[in-house]
């Protein structure tokens, strides 16, 4: 049933740690290789390098929320939203299912 997923080459889900400079400080980000590949595509679509994109998204979230609680998770969600936008460019959900009103 899940052959397409279970046959995924291990290189795609192995983790790689990269260093990035945020606000003058070097920090490490550990992501699965698949996410680094998607970040490369996402960054290129924004005419940025991966480190530039990470710094930009970090600074924007910092300005909006005052902190970035989990940078790796934020980057994974950015990747998921990028793929979602590539697959369904006309659909732009404004509310996530967990943000539904009335709860």
Foldseek 3Di string as FASTA:
>chain_A
DCCVPVVDDVQQFDKDKDWAAAPNDIDIAIGGNVLVVLLCVVQVVVVHGSNVVLNVVQVVCCVVPVHDPHSNVVSVVVSVVVVVCVVPVVDDDPDDPVRDPDD
